[in-house]
């Protein structure tokens, strides 16, 4: 999102509400190319952080996804 701020792209936010049962999982999709230019070959890493104040004082962080873009 920092790259988006520098290039003048608007910041996108979503507020999805729901409740999960114990050990239940949820999945969501974020279009990374909306925020970053992935048209150039290279290695990228993506990690998401989200705040859930009712669960934790610290933001929850996803696993890191490593991407290799080839020509």
C-alpha atoms as a PDB file:
ATOM      1  CA  UNK A   1       0.000   0.000   0.000  1.00  0.00           C
ATOM      2  CA  UNK A   2       2.966   2.291   0.566  1.00  0.00           C
ATOM      3  CA  UNK A   3       3.816   2.032  -3.140  1.00  0.00           C
ATOM      4  CA  UNK A   4       0.221   2.971  -3.917  1.00  0.00           C
ATOM      5  CA  UNK A   5       0.487   6.091  -1.792  1.00  0.00           C
ATOM      6  CA  UNK A   6       3.638   7.194  -3.639  1.00  0.00           C
ATOM      7  CA  UNK A   7       2.089   6.614  -7.065  1.00  0.00           C
ATOM      8  CA  UNK A   8      -1.241   8.249  -6.196  1.00  0.00           C
ATOM      9  CA  UNK A   9      -3.376   5.068  -6.221  1.00  0.00           C
ATOM     10  CA  UNK A  10      -6.277   5.098  -3.761  1.00  0.00           C
ATOM     11  CA  UNK A  11      -6.034   2.932  -0.665  1.00  0.00           C
ATOM     12  CA  UNK A  12      -8.606   0.154  -0.546  1.00  0.00           C
ATOM     13  CA  UNK A  13     -10.001  -1.197   2.705  1.00  0.00           C
ATOM     14  CA  UNK A  14     -12.641  -3.784   3.502  1.00  0.00           C
ATOM     15  CA  UNK A  15     -14.477  -4.535   6.683  1.00  0.00           C
ATOM     16  CA  UNK A  16     -15.727  -8.122   6.552  1.00  0.00           C
ATOM     17  CA  UNK A  17     -17.586  -9.227   9.641  1.00  0.00           C
ATOM     18  CA  UNK A  18     -18.274 -12.792  10.709  1.00  0.00           C
ATOM     19  CA  UNK A  19     -17.755 -15.280  13.491  1.00  0.00           C
ATOM     20  CA  UNK A  20     -15.730 -18.482  13.330  1.00  0.00           C
ATOM     21  CA  UNK A  21     -16.199 -21.495  15.554  1.00  0.00           C
ATOM     22  CA  UNK A  22     -13.232 -22.959  17.416  1.00  0.00           C
ATOM     23  CA  UNK A  23     -10.639 -24.313  14.912  1.00  0.00           C
ATOM     24  CA  UNK A  24     -12.733 -23.105  11.956  1.00  0.00           C
ATOM     25  CA  UNK A  25     -10.908 -21.361   9.092  1.00  0.00           C
ATOM     26  CA  UNK A  26     -11.742 -18.517   6.754  1.00  0.00           C
ATOM     27  CA  UNK A  27     -10.249 -17.548   3.421  1.00  0.00           C
ATOM     28  CA  UNK A  28     -10.200 -14.252   1.548  1.00  0.00           C
ATOM     29  CA  UNK A  29      -8.695 -13.043  -1.728  1.00  0.00           C
ATOM     30  CA  UNK A  30      -6.707  -9.843  -2.176  1.00  0.00           C
ATOM     31  CA  UNK A  31      -5.691  -8.731  -5.674  1.00  0.00           C
ATOM     32  CA  UNK A  32      -2.014  -7.906  -5.056  1.00  0.00           C
ATOM     33  CA  UNK A  33      -1.553  -6.438  -8.537  1.00  0.00           C
ATOM     34  CA  UNK A  34      -4.027  -3.696  -7.543  1.00  0.00           C
ATOM     35  CA  UNK A  35      -1.417  -2.371  -5.108  1.00  0.00           C
ATOM     36  CA  UNK A  36       1.878  -3.311  -6.780  1.00  0.00           C
ATOM     37  CA  UNK A  37       3.204  -3.522 -10.328  1.00  0.00           C
ATOM     38  CA  UNK A  38       4.043  -7.216 -10.815  1.00  0.00           C
ATOM     39  CA  UNK A  39       4.639  -6.877 -14.559  1.00  0.00           C
ATOM     40  CA  UNK A  40       8.427  -6.804 -14.120  1.00  0.00           C
ATOM     41  CA  UNK A  41      10.315 -10.071 -13.622  1.00  0.00           C
ATOM     42  CA  UNK A  42      11.741 -10.521 -10.163  1.00  0.00           C
ATOM     43  CA  UNK A  43      11.237 -12.043  -6.756  1.00  0.00           C
ATOM     44  CA  UNK A  44       8.544 -10.662  -4.500  1.00  0.00           C
ATOM     45  CA  UNK A  45       7.224 -11.533  -1.063  1.00  0.00           C
ATOM     46  CA  UNK A  46       3.722 -10.841   0.230  1.00  0.00           C
ATOM     47  CA  UNK A  47       2.574 -10.827   3.834  1.00  0.00           C
ATOM     48  CA  UNK A  48      -0.686  -9.505   5.257  1.00  0.00           C
ATOM     49  CA  UNK A  49      -1.258  -7.954   8.659  1.00  0.00           C
ATOM     50  CA  UNK A  50      -4.673  -7.350  10.122  1.00  0.00           C
ATOM     51  CA  UNK A  51      -5.847  -5.948  13.430  1.00  0.00           C
ATOM     52  CA  UNK A  52      -8.419  -7.739  15.578  1.00  0.00           C
ATOM     53  CA  UNK A  53      -8.524  -5.668  18.792  1.00  0.00           C
ATOM     54  CA  UNK A  54     -11.097  -7.978  20.371  1.00  0.00           C
ATOM     55  CA  UNK A  55      -8.691 -10.938  19.992  1.00  0.00           C
ATOM     56  CA  UNK A  56      -5.186  -9.517  20.319  1.00  0.00           C
ATOM     57  CA  UNK A  57      -3.387  -6.312  21.212  1.00  0.00           C
ATOM     58  CA  UNK A  58      -0.900  -7.014  18.414  1.00  0.00           C
ATOM     59  CA  UNK A  59      -1.833  -7.297  14.709  1.00  0.00           C
ATOM     60  CA  UNK A  60      -2.162 -10.839  13.374  1.00  0.00           C
ATOM     61  CA  UNK A  61       0.246 -11.653  10.548  1.00  0.00           C
ATOM     62  CA  UNK A  62      -0.171 -14.162   7.731  1.00  0.00           C
ATOM     63  CA  UNK A  63       2.442 -16.554   6.447  1.00  0.00           C
ATOM     64  CA  UNK A  64       4.843 -14.989   3.935  1.00  0.00           C
ATOM     65  CA  UNK A  65       4.224 -15.903   0.296  1.00  0.00           C
ATOM     66  CA  UNK A  66       7.298 -15.891  -1.964  1.00  0.00           C
ATOM     67  CA  UNK A  67       6.644 -15.170  -5.668  1.00  0.00           C
ATOM     68  CA  UNK A  68       9.010 -15.493  -8.635  1.00  0.00           C
ATOM     69  CA  UNK A  69       7.810 -13.592 -11.724  1.00  0.00           C
ATOM     70  CA  UNK A  70       9.540 -14.750 -14.895  1.00  0.00           C
ATOM     71  CA  UNK A  71       9.448 -13.166 -18.349  1.00  0.00           C
END
